[in-house]
Amino acid sequence: MSHSLLSFRRTPPLPRSLSQFICEEDGATTVEYAVMLALLLAVMIGAISQVGSQTNGLWSGIISGLQAVGFIP
């Protein structure tokens, strides 16, 4: 490929890019989404752990019953 076919872009200096990022609302929106995702994950992990604890007792009872009748050695 020749250089005339390639498009070279010069990246803006960091301070200008950083100030532009801070002034725009995209950064705040990204942070809001990250906080919502963290809260959602915390709720999901708590719910899954609670359901797991409750079903553990259920399965333990079933296994004990099966062992009592000799179905499981």
PDB file of N, CA and C in Angstrom:
ATOM      1  N   MET A   1       0.832  -1.176   0.000  1.00  0.00           N
ATOM      2  CA  MET A   1       0.000   0.000   0.000  1.00  0.00           C
ATOM      3  C   MET A   1       0.874   1.236   0.000  1.00  0.00           C
ATOM      4  N   SER A   2       0.437   2.204  -0.701  1.00  0.00           N
ATOM      5  CA  SER A   2       1.189   3.449  -0.710  1.00  0.00           C
ATOM      6  C   SER A   2       0.689   4.348   0.412  1.00  0.00           C
ATOM      7  N   HIS A   3       1.510   5.290   0.787  1.00  0.00           N
ATOM      8  CA  HIS A   3       1.152   6.181   1.885  1.00  0.00           C
ATOM      9  C   HIS A   3      -0.009   7.097   1.520  1.00  0.00           C
ATOM     10  N   SER A   4      -0.252   7.308   0.255  1.00  0.00           N
ATOM     11  CA  SER A   4      -1.351   8.191  -0.127  1.00  0.00           C
ATOM     12  C   SER A   4      -2.703   7.530   0.139  1.00  0.00           C
ATOM     13  N   LEU A   5      -2.754   6.192   0.215  1.00  0.00           N
ATOM     14  CA  LEU A   5      -4.011   5.510   0.474  1.00  0.00           C
ATOM     15  C   LEU A   5      -4.333   5.431   1.964  1.00  0.00           C
ATOM     16  N   LEU A   6      -3.299   5.559   2.785  1.00  0.00           N
ATOM     17  CA  LEU A   6      -3.513   5.467   4.222  1.00  0.00           C
ATOM     18  C   LEU A   6      -3.887   6.830   4.797  1.00  0.00           C
ATOM     19  N   SER A   7      -4.771   6.806   5.733  1.00  0.00           N
ATOM     20  CA  SER A   7      -5.174   8.039   6.380  1.00  0.00           C
ATOM     21  C   SER A   7      -4.486   8.124   7.738  1.00  0.00           C
ATOM     22  N   PHE A   8      -3.596   9.068   7.885  1.00  0.00           N
ATOM     23  CA  PHE A   8      -2.896   9.254   9.154  1.00  0.00           C
ATOM     24  C   PHE A   8      -3.595  10.357   9.927  1.00  0.00           C
ATOM     25  N   ARG A   9      -3.929  10.041  11.171  1.00  0.00           N
ATOM     26  CA  ARG A   9      -4.550  11.044  12.023  1.00  0.00           C
ATOM     27  C   ARG A   9      -3.609  11.364  13.161  1.00  0.00           C
ATOM     28  N   ARG A  10      -3.519  12.619  13.450  1.00  0.00           N
ATOM     29  CA  ARG A  10      -2.691  13.053  14.572  1.00  0.00           C
ATOM     30  C   ARG A  10      -3.580  13.119  15.803  1.00  0.00           C
ATOM     31  N   THR A  11      -3.183  12.415  16.862  1.00  0.00           N
ATOM     32  CA  THR A  11      -3.980  12.443  18.082  1.00  0.00           C
ATOM     33  C   THR A  11      -3.768  13.778  18.779  1.00  0.00           C
ATOM     34  N   PRO A  12      -4.827  14.320  19.363  1.00  0.00           N
ATOM     35  CA  PRO A  12      -4.683  15.607  20.053  1.00  0.00           C
ATOM     36  C   PRO A  12      -3.845  15.438  21.306  1.00  0.00           C
ATOM     37  N   PRO A  13      -3.228  16.495  21.766  1.00  0.00           N
ATOM     38  CA  PRO A  13      -2.430  16.405  22.989  1.00  0.00           C
ATOM     39  C   PRO A  13      -3.293  15.985  24.177  1.00  0.00           C
ATOM     40  N   LEU A  14      -2.676  15.355  25.140  1.00  0.00           N
ATOM     41  CA  LEU A  14      -3.407  14.794  26.279  1.00  0.00           C
ATOM     42  C   LEU A  14      -4.191  15.839  27.068  1.00  0.00           C
ATOM     43  N   PRO A  15      -3.629  16.974  27.434  1.00  0.00           N
ATOM     44  CA  PRO A  15      -4.414  17.925  28.223  1.00  0.00           C
ATOM     45  C   PRO A  15      -5.694  18.355  27.510  1.00  0.00           C
ATOM     46  N   ARG A  16      -5.638  18.552  26.206  1.00  0.00           N
ATOM     47  CA  ARG A  16      -6.825  18.963  25.461  1.00  0.00           C
ATOM     48  C   ARG A  16      -7.851  17.831  25.455  1.00  0.00           C
ATOM     49  N   SER A  17      -7.408  16.607  25.250  1.00  0.00           N
ATOM     50  CA  SER A  17      -8.315  15.463  25.241  1.00  0.00           C
ATOM     51  C   SER A  17      -8.924  15.255  26.617  1.00  0.00           C
ATOM     52  N   LEU A  18      -8.131  15.406  27.668  1.00  0.00           N
ATOM     53  CA  LEU A  18      -8.612  15.207  29.022  1.00  0.00           C
ATOM     54  C   LEU A  18      -9.638  16.272  29.398  1.00  0.00           C
ATOM     55  N   SER A  19      -9.356  17.515  29.061  1.00  0.00           N
ATOM     56  CA  SER A  19     -10.308  18.575  29.394  1.00  0.00           C
ATOM     57  C   SER A  19     -11.591  18.414  28.578  1.00  0.00           C
ATOM     58  N   GLN A  20     -11.471  17.979  27.349  1.00  0.00           N
ATOM     59  CA  GLN A  20     -12.655  17.754  26.526  1.00  0.00           C
ATOM     60  C   GLN A  20     -13.481  16.602  27.106  1.00  0.00           C
ATOM     61  N   PHE A  21     -12.817  15.546  27.589  1.00  0.00           N
ATOM     62  CA  PHE A  21     -13.509  14.407  28.195  1.00  0.00           C
ATOM     63  C   PHE A  21     -14.242  14.825  29.466  1.00  0.00           C
ATOM     64  N   ILE A  22     -13.609  15.678  30.268  1.00  0.00           N
ATOM     65  CA  ILE A  22     -14.217  16.124  31.522  1.00  0.00           C
ATOM     66  C   ILE A  22     -15.421  17.027  31.248  1.00  0.00           C
ATOM     67  N   CYS A  23     -15.323  17.869  30.241  1.00  0.00           N
ATOM     68  CA  CYS A  23     -16.419  18.798  29.934  1.00  0.00           C
ATOM     69  C   CYS A  23     -17.617  18.088  29.323  1.00  0.00           C
ATOM     70  N   GLU A  24     -17.395  17.024  28.590  1.00  0.00           N
ATOM     71  CA  GLU A  24     -18.497  16.303  27.982  1.00  0.00           C
ATOM     72  C   GLU A  24     -19.193  15.458  29.036  1.00  0.00           C
ATOM     73  N   GLU A  25     -20.416  15.062  28.757  1.00  0.00           N
ATOM     74  CA  GLU A  25     -21.182  14.272  29.705  1.00  0.00           C
ATOM     75  C   GLU A  25     -20.965  12.770  29.515  1.00  0.00           C
ATOM     76  N   ASP A  26     -20.174  12.366  28.558  1.00  0.00           N
ATOM     77  CA  ASP A  26     -19.931  10.941  28.330  1.00  0.00           C
ATOM     78  C   ASP A  26     -19.248  10.296  29.520  1.00  0.00           C
ATOM     79  N   GLY A  27     -18.329  11.002  30.152  1.00  0.00           N
ATOM     80  CA  GLY A  27     -17.620  10.455  31.308  1.00  0.00           C
ATOM     81  C   GLY A  27     -18.556  10.215  32.473  1.00  0.00           C
ATOM     82  N   ALA A  28     -19.453  11.156  32.734  1.00  0.00           N
ATOM     83  CA  ALA A  28     -20.416  10.995  33.827  1.00  0.00           C
ATOM     84  C   ALA A  28     -21.368   9.844  33.538  1.00  0.00           C
ATOM     85  N   THR A  29     -21.785   9.715  32.304  1.00  0.00           N
ATOM     86  CA  THR A  29     -22.682   8.626  31.929  1.00  0.00           C
ATOM     87  C   THR A  29     -21.989   7.284  32.116  1.00  0.00           C
ATOM     88  N   THR A  30     -20.731   7.197  31.768  1.00  0.00           N
ATOM     89  CA  THR A  30     -19.976   5.960  31.936  1.00  0.00           C
ATOM     90  C   THR A  30     -19.877   5.587  33.410  1.00  0.00           C
ATOM     91  N   VAL A  31     -19.621   6.554  34.255  1.00  0.00           N
ATOM     92  CA  VAL A  31     -19.523   6.297  35.692  1.00  0.00           C
ATOM     93  C   VAL A  31     -20.880   5.847  36.237  1.00  0.00           C
ATOM     94  N   GLU A  32     -21.955   6.483  35.789  1.00  0.00           N
ATOM     95  CA  GLU A  32     -23.290   6.090  36.243  1.00  0.00           C
ATOM     96  C   GLU A  32     -23.593   4.648  35.855  1.00  0.00           C
ATOM     97  N   TYR A  33     -23.260   4.283  34.636  1.00  0.00           N
ATOM     98  CA  TYR A  33     -23.486   2.903  34.205  1.00  0.00           C
ATOM     99  C   TYR A  33     -22.638   1.924  35.006  1.00  0.00           C
ATOM    100  N   ALA A  34     -21.421   2.291  35.330  1.00  0.00           N
ATOM    101  CA  ALA A  34     -20.549   1.409  36.114  1.00  0.00           C
ATOM    102  C   ALA A  34     -21.111   1.215  37.520  1.00  0.00           C
ATOM    103  N   VAL A  35     -21.648   2.282  38.123  1.00  0.00           N
ATOM    104  CA  VAL A  35     -22.231   2.167  39.463  1.00  0.00           C
ATOM    105  C   VAL A  35     -23.481   1.299  39.412  1.00  0.00           C
ATOM    106  N   MET A  36     -24.325   1.498  38.400  1.00  0.00           N
ATOM    107  CA  MET A  36     -25.528   0.668  38.272  1.00  0.00           C
ATOM    108  C   MET A  36     -25.164  -0.798  38.072  1.00  0.00           C
ATOM    109  N   LEU A  37     -24.149  -1.067  37.278  1.00  0.00           N
ATOM    110  CA  LEU A  37     -23.716  -2.443  37.051  1.00  0.00           C
ATOM    111  C   LEU A  37     -23.202  -3.072  38.343  1.00  0.00           C
ATOM    112  N   ALA A  38     -22.438  -2.320  39.118  1.00  0.00           N
ATOM    113  CA  ALA A  38     -21.916  -2.835  40.384  1.00  0.00           C
ATOM    114  C   ALA A  38     -23.056  -3.155  41.349  1.00  0.00           C
ATOM    115  N   LEU A  39     -24.044  -2.273  41.428  1.00  0.00           N
ATOM    116  CA  LEU A  39     -25.191  -2.534  42.306  1.00  0.00           C
ATOM    117  C   LEU A  39     -25.991  -3.736  41.837  1.00  0.00           C
ATOM    118  N   LEU A  40     -26.183  -3.844  40.540  1.00  0.00           N
ATOM    119  CA  LEU A  40     -26.922  -4.978  39.989  1.00  0.00           C
ATOM    120  C   LEU A  40     -26.197  -6.289  40.279  1.00  0.00           C
ATOM    121  N   LEU A  41     -24.892  -6.304  40.109  1.00  0.00           N
ATOM    122  CA  LEU A  41     -24.112  -7.514  40.403  1.00  0.00           C
ATOM    123  C   LEU A  41     -24.184  -7.876  41.885  1.00  0.00           C
ATOM    124  N   ALA A  42     -24.147  -6.873  42.764  1.00  0.00           N
ATOM    125  CA  ALA A  42     -24.227  -7.143  44.197  1.00  0.00           C
ATOM    126  C   ALA A  42     -25.576  -7.765  44.552  1.00  0.00           C
ATOM    127  N   VAL A  43     -26.647  -7.247  43.982  1.00  0.00           N
ATOM    128  CA  VAL A  43     -27.978  -7.795  44.240  1.00  0.00           C
ATOM    129  C   VAL A  43     -28.085  -9.218  43.697  1.00  0.00           C
ATOM    130  N   MET A  44     -27.556  -9.432  42.496  1.00  0.00           N
ATOM    131  CA  MET A  44     -27.626 -10.775  41.899  1.00  0.00           C
ATOM    132  C   MET A  44     -26.834 -11.787  42.723  1.00  0.00           C
ATOM    133  N   ILE A  45     -25.647 -11.421  43.158  1.00  0.00           N
ATOM    134  CA  ILE A  45     -24.828 -12.336  43.955  1.00  0.00           C
ATOM    135  C   ILE A  45     -25.518 -12.651  45.275  1.00  0.00           C
ATOM    136  N   GLY A  46     -26.117 -11.641  45.899  1.00  0.00           N
ATOM    137  CA  GLY A  46     -26.842 -11.869  47.147  1.00  0.00           C
ATOM    138  C   GLY A  46     -28.036 -12.790  46.953  1.00  0.00           C
ATOM    139  N   ALA A  47     -28.786 -12.578  45.874  1.00  0.00           N
ATOM    140  CA  ALA A  47     -29.962 -13.414  45.613  1.00  0.00           C
ATOM    141  C   ALA A  47     -29.561 -14.849  45.304  1.00  0.00           C
ATOM    142  N   ILE A  48     -28.537 -15.025  44.504  1.00  0.00           N
ATOM    143  CA  ILE A  48     -28.089 -16.378  44.148  1.00  0.00           C
ATOM    144  C   ILE A  48     -27.570 -17.108  45.386  1.00  0.00           C
ATOM    145  N   SER A  49     -26.858 -16.397  46.246  1.00  0.00           N
ATOM    146  CA  SER A  49     -26.341 -17.041  47.452  1.00  0.00           C
ATOM    147  C   SER A  49     -27.479 -17.419  48.395  1.00  0.00           C
ATOM    148  N   GLN A  50     -28.499 -16.578  48.493  1.00  0.00           N
ATOM    149  CA  GLN A  50     -29.644 -16.888  49.346  1.00  0.00           C
ATOM    150  C   GLN A  50     -30.403 -18.104  48.818  1.00  0.00           C
ATOM    151  N   VAL A  51     -30.636 -18.154  47.524  1.00  0.00           N
ATOM    152  CA  VAL A  51     -31.330 -19.299  46.923  1.00  0.00           C
ATOM    153  C   VAL A  51     -30.484 -20.562  47.087  1.00  0.00           C
ATOM    154  N   GLY A  52     -29.182 -20.425  46.923  1.00  0.00           N
ATOM    155  CA  GLY A  52     -28.289 -21.578  47.093  1.00  0.00           C
ATOM    156  C   GLY A  52     -28.333 -22.134  48.503  1.00  0.00           C
ATOM    157  N   SER A  53     -28.372 -21.252  49.485  1.00  0.00           N
ATOM    158  CA  SER A  53     -28.445 -21.713  50.878  1.00  0.00           C
ATOM    159  C   SER A  53     -29.753 -22.449  51.150  1.00  0.00           C
ATOM    160  N   GLN A  54     -30.836 -21.930  50.614  1.00  0.00           N
ATOM    161  CA  GLN A  54     -32.134 -22.558  50.848  1.00  0.00           C
ATOM    162  C   GLN A  54     -32.248 -23.901  50.128  1.00  0.00           C
ATOM    163  N   THR A  55     -31.747 -23.987  48.913  1.00  0.00           N
ATOM    164  CA  THR A  55     -31.853 -25.252  48.186  1.00  0.00           C
ATOM    165  C   THR A  55     -30.868 -26.297  48.694  1.00  0.00           C
ATOM    166  N   ASN A  56     -29.798 -25.860  49.349  1.00  0.00           N
ATOM    167  CA  ASN A  56     -28.849 -26.818  49.917  1.00  0.00           C
ATOM    168  C   ASN A  56     -29.547 -27.683  50.969  1.00  0.00           C
ATOM    169  N   GLY A  57     -30.341 -27.053  51.818  1.00  0.00           N
ATOM    170  CA  GLY A  57     -31.087 -27.811  52.813  1.00  0.00           C
ATOM    171  C   GLY A  57     -32.089 -28.750  52.179  1.00  0.00           C
ATOM    172  N   LEU A  58     -32.725 -28.316  51.122  1.00  0.00           N
ATOM    173  CA  LEU A  58     -33.695 -29.149  50.409  1.00  0.00           C
ATOM    174  C   LEU A  58     -33.023 -30.395  49.842  1.00  0.00           C
ATOM    175  N   TRP A  59     -31.902 -30.197  49.151  1.00  0.00           N
ATOM    176  CA  TRP A  59     -31.203 -31.343  48.547  1.00  0.00           C
ATOM    177  C   TRP A  59     -30.625 -32.265  49.612  1.00  0.00           C
ATOM    178  N   SER A  60     -30.162 -31.716  50.720  1.00  0.00           N
ATOM    179  CA  SER A  60     -29.633 -32.558  51.800  1.00  0.00           C
ATOM    180  C   SER A  60     -30.727 -33.463  52.351  1.00  0.00           C
ATOM    181  N   GLY A  61     -31.930 -32.913  52.492  1.00  0.00           N
ATOM    182  CA  GLY A  61     -33.057 -33.714  52.963  1.00  0.00           C
ATOM    183  C   GLY A  61     -33.428 -34.813  51.976  1.00  0.00           C
ATOM    184  N   ILE A  62     -33.396 -34.515  50.712  1.00  0.00           N
ATOM    185  CA  ILE A  62     -33.720 -35.513  49.685  1.00  0.00           C
ATOM    186  C   ILE A  62     -32.687 -36.634  49.691  1.00  0.00           C
ATOM    187  N   ILE A  63     -31.412 -36.276  49.770  1.00  0.00           N
ATOM    188  CA  ILE A  63     -30.346 -37.284  49.781  1.00  0.00           C
ATOM    189  C   ILE A  63     -30.455 -38.159  51.026  1.00  0.00           C
ATOM    190  N   SER A  64     -30.749 -37.539  52.177  1.00  0.00           N
ATOM    191  CA  SER A  64     -30.912 -38.327  53.412  1.00  0.00           C
ATOM    192  C   SER A  64     -32.072 -39.303  53.290  1.00  0.00           C
ATOM    193  N   GLY A  65     -33.175 -38.855  52.686  1.00  0.00           N
ATOM    194  CA  GLY A  65     -34.319 -39.743  52.485  1.00  0.00           C
ATOM    195  C   GLY A  65     -34.006 -40.890  51.566  1.00  0.00           C
ATOM    196  N   LEU A  66     -33.279 -40.624  50.491  1.00  0.00           N
ATOM    197  CA  LEU A  66     -32.905 -41.680  49.548  1.00  0.00           C
ATOM    198  C   LEU A  66     -31.943 -42.693  50.183  1.00  0.00           C
ATOM    199  N   GLN A  67     -31.036 -42.181  51.027  1.00  0.00           N
ATOM    200  CA  GLN A  67     -30.120 -43.078  51.720  1.00  0.00           C
ATOM    201  C   GLN A  67     -30.855 -43.936  52.757  1.00  0.00           C
ATOM    202  N   ALA A  68     -31.893 -43.365  53.364  1.00  0.00           N
ATOM    203  CA  ALA A  68     -32.642 -44.086  54.408  1.00  0.00           C
ATOM    204  C   ALA A  68     -33.378 -45.299  53.816  1.00  0.00           C
ATOM    205  N   VAL A  69     -33.849 -45.160  52.560  1.00  0.00           N
ATOM    206  CA  VAL A  69     -34.575 -46.268  51.951  1.00  0.00           C
ATOM    207  C   VAL A  69     -33.643 -47.199  51.164  1.00  0.00           C
ATOM    208  N   GLY A  70     -32.352 -46.888  51.146  1.00  0.00           N
ATOM    209  CA  GLY A  70     -31.390 -47.746  50.474  1.00  0.00           C
ATOM    210  C   GLY A  70     -31.231 -47.492  48.977  1.00  0.00           C
ATOM    211  N   PHE A  71     -31.778 -46.403  48.479  1.00  0.00           N
ATOM    212  CA  PHE A  71     -31.645 -46.106  47.059  1.00  0.00           C
ATOM    213  C   PHE A  71     -30.240 -45.636  46.726  1.00  0.00           C
ATOM    214  N   ILE A  72     -29.638 -44.912  47.649  1.00  0.00           N
ATOM    215  CA  ILE A  72     -28.252 -44.441  47.485  1.00  0.00           C
ATOM    216  C   ILE A  72     -27.437 -45.082  48.599  1.00  0.00           C
ATOM    217  N   PRO A  73     -26.324 -45.753  48.243  1.00  0.00           N
ATOM    218  CA  PRO A  73     -25.506 -46.408  49.290  1.00  0.00           C
ATOM    219  C   PRO A  73     -24.805 -45.414  50.179  1.00  0.00           C
TER     220      PRO A  73
END
